[in-house]
Every structure is written in C-alpha cells, then in structure tokens.
C-alpha cells in the first residue's frame, strides 16, 4: 500500500489597503452624514476626503500604495464631493432663510 501525502492548499494573502484611501472613504461618508446636522464639519470632512483621495491615487500611480485601494479612494472622492455640495447648498439655504426672516421682521416693524 502506498502512503499518500496530504495536500496543503494555501490561499493568497489578502491585499493591503492604503490608509489614505480608507480615510478618504470614511471622511467622505461622514461628510454626507454631517452636512445636514452640523454644516461646517460636513464641509471640512468633504474637503479632507477629496485631499486624502488625491494622495491615495498619487500613491497608487507611483507604486507606493496597492492598486486594490483605488476603489476606496474613488468612493471617498465621490462621497466627499457630494458632501461638499450638500453642505454648501445647506449653508446657502440657511443664509437665504435668515435674510428672508430678517426682511419680514424689518417690514413688520416698519409697518407698526
């Protein structure tokens, strides 16, 4: 009888992800979440998300970061721009709202 050797199969090591890409994605998501409630943090998180995304993509281009993190960097960039846009629109809405309210109150005070 022949003795069979057990075969061992190794799975490939999981690819590492760039920390900047992860930070970009997390900040981009936070910028969307915080744009309605806190205004300025949503804007700041969005700007930081876009900046981290650019750094992550530059790292991927020069080979210092793995290509597997490109999706996270792109997601962070898109979410960051959405968060910036929503925050800016909400800030503009608040400014217009305050101006209208002050105008109405001024007109009411002048009429009486």
Protein backbone atom coordinates (compact mmCIF):
# COMPACT_ATOMS: atom_id res chain seq x y z
CA UNK A 1 0.00 0.00 0.00
CA UNK A 2 1.22 3.44 -0.83
CA UNK A 3 1.02 6.15 1.73
CA UNK A 4 -0.48 9.36 0.36
CA UNK A 5 0.82 12.70 1.46
CA UNK A 6 -1.88 15.19 2.41
CA UNK A 7 -2.04 18.13 0.08
CA UNK A 8 -1.97 21.55 1.61
CA UNK A 9 -3.53 24.45 -0.23
CA UNK A 10 -2.56 27.95 0.65
CA UNK A 11 -4.83 30.86 -0.02
CA UNK A 12 -3.25 34.07 -1.26
CA UNK A 13 -2.59 36.71 1.34
CA UNK A 14 -5.21 39.45 1.39
CA UNK A 15 -4.06 42.61 -0.31
CA UNK A 16 -3.36 45.54 1.93
CA UNK A 17 -5.29 48.75 1.50
CA UNK A 18 -3.89 52.25 1.63
CA UNK A 19 -4.66 54.09 4.87
CA UNK A 20 -5.28 57.26 2.92
CA UNK A 21 -7.88 55.50 0.79
CA UNK A 22 -9.66 54.22 3.89
CA UNK A 23 -9.53 57.67 5.50
CA UNK A 24 -10.88 59.21 2.30
CA UNK A 25 -13.83 56.85 2.19
CA UNK A 26 -14.68 57.25 5.89
CA UNK A 27 -14.41 61.05 5.72
CA UNK A 28 -16.50 61.13 2.54
CA UNK A 29 -19.27 59.15 4.19
CA UNK A 30 -19.07 61.36 7.30
CA UNK A 31 -19.31 64.47 5.13
CA UNK A 32 -22.63 63.25 3.74
CA UNK A 33 -23.91 62.33 7.20
CA UNK A 34 -22.84 65.58 8.87
CA UNK A 35 -23.85 68.01 6.12
CA UNK A 36 -27.45 68.34 7.34
CA UNK A 37 -26.89 68.35 11.08
CA UNK A 38 -23.69 70.24 11.71
CA UNK A 39 -22.93 72.21 8.48
CA UNK A 40 -19.23 73.02 8.90
CA UNK A 41 -17.97 69.53 9.91
CA UNK A 42 -19.63 68.13 6.80
CA UNK A 43 -17.80 70.67 4.66
CA UNK A 44 -14.46 70.02 6.39
CA UNK A 45 -14.84 66.23 6.15
CA UNK A 46 -15.66 66.52 2.45
CA UNK A 47 -12.60 68.65 1.72
CA UNK A 48 -10.36 66.27 3.68
CA UNK A 49 -11.88 63.28 1.86
CA UNK A 50 -11.02 64.79 -1.53
CA UNK A 51 -7.48 65.62 -0.36
CA UNK A 52 -6.86 62.11 1.01
CA UNK A 53 -8.27 60.63 -2.18
CA UNK A 54 -5.82 62.62 -4.31
CA UNK A 55 -2.92 61.48 -2.11
CA UNK A 56 -4.07 57.85 -2.29
CA UNK A 57 -4.42 57.97 -6.08
CA UNK A 58 -0.95 59.53 -6.35
CA UNK A 59 0.41 56.73 -4.18
CA UNK A 60 -1.23 54.15 -6.43
CA UNK A 61 0.18 55.86 -9.53
CA UNK A 62 3.76 55.88 -8.23
CA UNK A 63 3.52 52.33 -6.86
CA UNK A 64 3.80 53.09 -3.14
CA UNK A 65 0.20 52.02 -2.48
CA UNK A 66 -1.59 48.88 -3.67
CA UNK A 67 -3.98 49.11 -6.59
CA UNK A 68 -6.66 47.37 -4.53
CA UNK A 69 -7.27 50.64 -2.69
CA UNK A 70 -8.27 52.55 -5.83
CA UNK A 71 -11.96 51.75 -5.34
CA UNK A 72 -11.98 53.12 -1.81
CA UNK A 73 -10.14 56.24 -2.91
CA UNK A 74 -12.62 56.83 -5.73
CA UNK A 75 -15.56 56.24 -3.38
CA UNK A 76 -14.09 58.72 -0.90
CA UNK A 77 -13.64 61.31 -3.62
CA UNK A 78 -17.21 60.94 -4.88
CA UNK A 79 -18.72 60.98 -1.38
CA UNK A 80 -16.51 63.95 -0.46
CA UNK A 81 -17.74 65.99 -3.42
CA UNK A 82 -21.34 65.06 -2.65
CA UNK A 83 -20.83 66.10 0.98
CA UNK A 84 -19.23 69.39 -0.06
CA UNK A 85 -22.10 70.13 -2.45
CA UNK A 86 -24.79 69.29 0.08
CA UNK A 87 -23.07 71.28 2.83
CA UNK A 88 -22.67 74.30 0.57
CA UNK A 89 -26.30 74.09 -0.54
CA UNK A 90 -27.50 73.80 3.04
CA UNK A 91 -25.34 76.74 4.18
CA UNK A 92 -26.73 78.81 1.28
CA UNK A 93 -30.27 77.78 2.26
CA UNK A 94 -29.70 78.86 5.87
CA UNK A 95 -28.29 82.24 4.75
CA UNK A 96 -31.23 82.91 2.41
CA UNK A 97 -33.69 81.81 5.11
CA UNK A 98 -32.18 84.15 7.69
CA UNK A 99 -32.16 87.07 5.23
CA UNK A 100 -35.84 86.48 4.39
CA UNK A 101 -36.83 86.24 8.06
CA UNK A 102 -34.90 89.41 8.94
CA UNK A 103 -36.55 91.18 5.98
CA UNK A 104 -40.01 90.09 7.09
CA UNK A 105 -39.34 91.18 10.67
CA UNK A 106 -37.99 94.53 9.46
CA UNK A 107 -41.03 95.08 7.27
CA UNK A 108 -43.35 94.16 10.13
CA UNK A 109 -41.54 96.53 12.49
CA UNK A 110 -41.68 99.37 9.95
CA UNK A 111 -45.40 98.82 9.35
CA UNK A 112 -46.33 99.14 13.00
